[in-house]
Protein backbone atom coordinates (compact mmCIF):
# COMPACT_ATOMS: atom_id res chain seq x y z
CA MET A 1 14.28 -9.37 -50.42
CA PRO A 2 11.38 -9.07 -49.07
CA THR A 3 9.48 -6.14 -48.43
CA VAL A 4 8.19 -5.83 -43.81
CA PHE A 5 5.44 -3.58 -43.42
CA VAL A 6 4.77 -1.91 -39.74
CA GLU A 7 1.09 -1.38 -39.66
CA PRO A 8 1.08 2.09 -37.58
CA MET A 9 -0.66 1.76 -34.50
CA ASN A 10 -4.60 2.35 -34.61
CA LEU A 11 -8.05 2.72 -32.26
CA GLY A 12 -8.48 -0.62 -32.08
CA ASP A 13 -5.02 -1.20 -30.81
CA LEU A 14 -5.69 1.27 -27.57
CA LEU A 15 -8.92 0.96 -26.70
CA LYS A 16 -10.24 -2.30 -25.85
CA TYR A 17 -13.75 -1.68 -24.73
CA GLU A 18 -15.77 1.92 -23.67
CA ALA A 19 -18.76 1.98 -22.45
CA PRO A 20 -21.84 2.98 -24.61
CA ASN A 21 -23.26 6.09 -25.93
CA LEU A 22 -20.22 8.16 -25.90
CA TYR A 23 -19.86 7.89 -22.36
CA SER A 24 -15.87 7.77 -21.84
CA ARG A 25 -15.42 10.15 -23.87
CA ASP A 26 -14.03 13.83 -23.85
CA ARG A 27 -13.56 16.39 -26.40
CA VAL A 28 -11.13 18.71 -25.66
CA THR A 29 -8.22 21.08 -25.93
CA VAL A 30 -4.67 20.19 -26.34
CA VAL A 31 -1.71 23.26 -25.89
CA ALA A 32 -0.17 24.55 -28.21
CA GLY A 33 3.92 23.65 -29.26
CA GLN A 34 2.76 19.50 -28.57
CA ASN A 35 2.15 17.34 -31.50
CA LEU A 36 1.04 14.02 -29.46
CA PRO A 37 0.02 10.21 -31.09
CA LEU A 38 -2.38 8.48 -30.77
CA GLY A 39 -2.71 6.87 -27.40
CA ALA A 40 -0.98 9.56 -25.42
CA VAL A 41 -1.51 10.16 -21.93
CA ALA A 42 -2.77 13.70 -21.27
CA GLY A 43 -2.90 15.61 -17.66
CA MET A 44 -5.15 18.14 -17.25
CA VAL A 45 -3.72 21.78 -16.46
CA THR A 46 -5.77 23.68 -13.94
CA ALA A 47 -6.23 26.68 -14.89
CA SER A 48 -7.40 26.73 -18.06
CA GLY A 49 -8.88 22.92 -18.43
CA LYS A 50 -6.89 22.69 -21.87
CA VAL A 51 -5.13 18.99 -22.00
CA LYS A 52 -1.36 18.32 -22.55
CA GLN A 53 1.26 15.45 -22.34
CA ILE A 54 1.66 14.18 -18.34
CA ASP A 55 4.59 15.40 -17.04
CA PRO A 56 5.13 14.32 -13.43
CA SER A 57 7.17 17.72 -12.77
CA ALA A 58 5.22 19.76 -13.35
CA THR A 59 3.15 21.82 -10.92
CA ASP A 60 0.13 23.08 -13.20
CA GLY A 61 -2.33 20.11 -12.82
CA SER A 62 -0.81 18.16 -15.88
CA GLN A 63 1.28 15.99 -13.59
CA TYR A 64 -1.84 13.95 -13.31
CA ALA A 65 -3.46 11.63 -15.84
CA ALA A 66 -6.85 13.02 -16.73
CA GLY A 67 -6.99 10.58 -19.99
CA VAL A 68 -5.66 9.05 -23.18
CA LEU A 69 -5.85 10.00 -26.96
CA MET A 70 -8.02 8.94 -28.86
CA GLN A 71 -6.25 9.88 -31.90
CA ASN A 72 -3.13 11.70 -33.26
CA CYS A 73 -3.44 15.34 -32.44
CA ASP A 74 -0.99 18.13 -33.96
CA ALA A 75 -1.08 21.25 -32.05
CA HIS A 76 2.60 22.00 -32.30
CA LEU A 77 1.57 25.53 -33.94
CA ALA A 78 -2.00 26.74 -31.88
CA ASP A 79 -4.41 24.99 -29.17
CA ARG A 80 -6.46 22.10 -30.87
CA ASP A 81 -10.14 22.27 -30.02
CA ASP A 82 -11.10 18.75 -31.23
CA GLY A 83 -8.85 16.60 -29.49
CA LEU A 84 -10.53 13.28 -28.39
CA MET A 85 -10.20 11.75 -25.21
CA VAL A 86 -11.54 9.07 -22.93
CA ALA A 87 -11.46 10.14 -19.22
CA ARG A 88 -13.99 7.56 -17.59
CA HIS A 89 -15.10 3.81 -17.87
CA ALA A 90 -12.65 2.48 -20.35
CA ILE A 91 -10.02 -0.45 -20.76
CA VAL A 92 -7.18 0.09 -22.55
CA SER A 93 -4.06 -1.46 -23.45
CA ASP A 94 -0.46 -0.55 -21.91
CA HIS A 95 1.46 -1.60 -25.33
CA ALA A 96 -0.06 1.60 -26.56
CA LEU A 97 0.15 4.17 -24.06
CA GLN A 98 2.45 6.64 -24.98
CA TRP A 99 4.37 7.92 -22.31
CA PRO A 100 6.69 11.16 -22.31
CA VAL A 101 10.67 10.75 -22.33
CA GLY A 102 12.58 10.52 -19.44
CA ILE A 103 9.23 8.96 -17.08
CA THR A 104 10.62 6.60 -14.55
CA THR A 105 8.77 3.58 -14.03
CA GLY A 106 7.26 4.92 -11.06
CA GLU A 107 5.79 7.61 -12.69
CA GLN A 108 3.97 4.99 -14.82
CA GLN A 109 2.82 3.35 -12.18
CA ALA A 110 1.04 6.30 -10.23
CA ALA A 111 -0.41 7.34 -13.57
CA ILE A 112 -2.10 4.13 -13.90
CA ALA A 113 -3.05 4.46 -10.87
CA GLN A 114 -4.76 8.51 -11.67
CA LEU A 115 -6.28 6.59 -14.26
CA LYS A 116 -7.63 3.98 -12.77
CA ALA A 117 -8.85 6.32 -10.27
CA LEU A 118 -11.54 7.75 -13.22
CA GLY A 119 -12.26 4.34 -13.88
CA VAL A 120 -9.82 3.93 -16.87
CA LEU A 121 -8.14 0.44 -16.18
CA VAL A 122 -4.66 -0.08 -18.00
CA ARG A 123 -4.29 -3.62 -18.97
CA GLN A 124 -1.55 -5.91 -19.61
CA GLY A 125 -1.24 -8.11 -23.21
CA VAL A 126 -4.45 -7.36 -24.37
């Protein structure tokens, strides 16, 4: 029986275009208590400037999409200040975006519109 190999998601699967000279990227601090994958749509907590996975029911600022994580970030024990997020002037692939469990299609579409307002375009089928 043949062995099936599944290649994990990589940055090339997510990021289809970014501006030169690292203009599209932001170094961010990821809030403790999370283990976020590459492609996680992130929201920024207004009071701290730290990011966490978008939560449409939140009221701390993280209900709005602020960008997309460009790497896995294991912050389950403590804040991680080495997060990397695409935050502007970029194109990402929709199939590589990672959403929280239970998010509705309408909430996803709202977040995609928020990313578009930041200059992060989400393209289907790329």
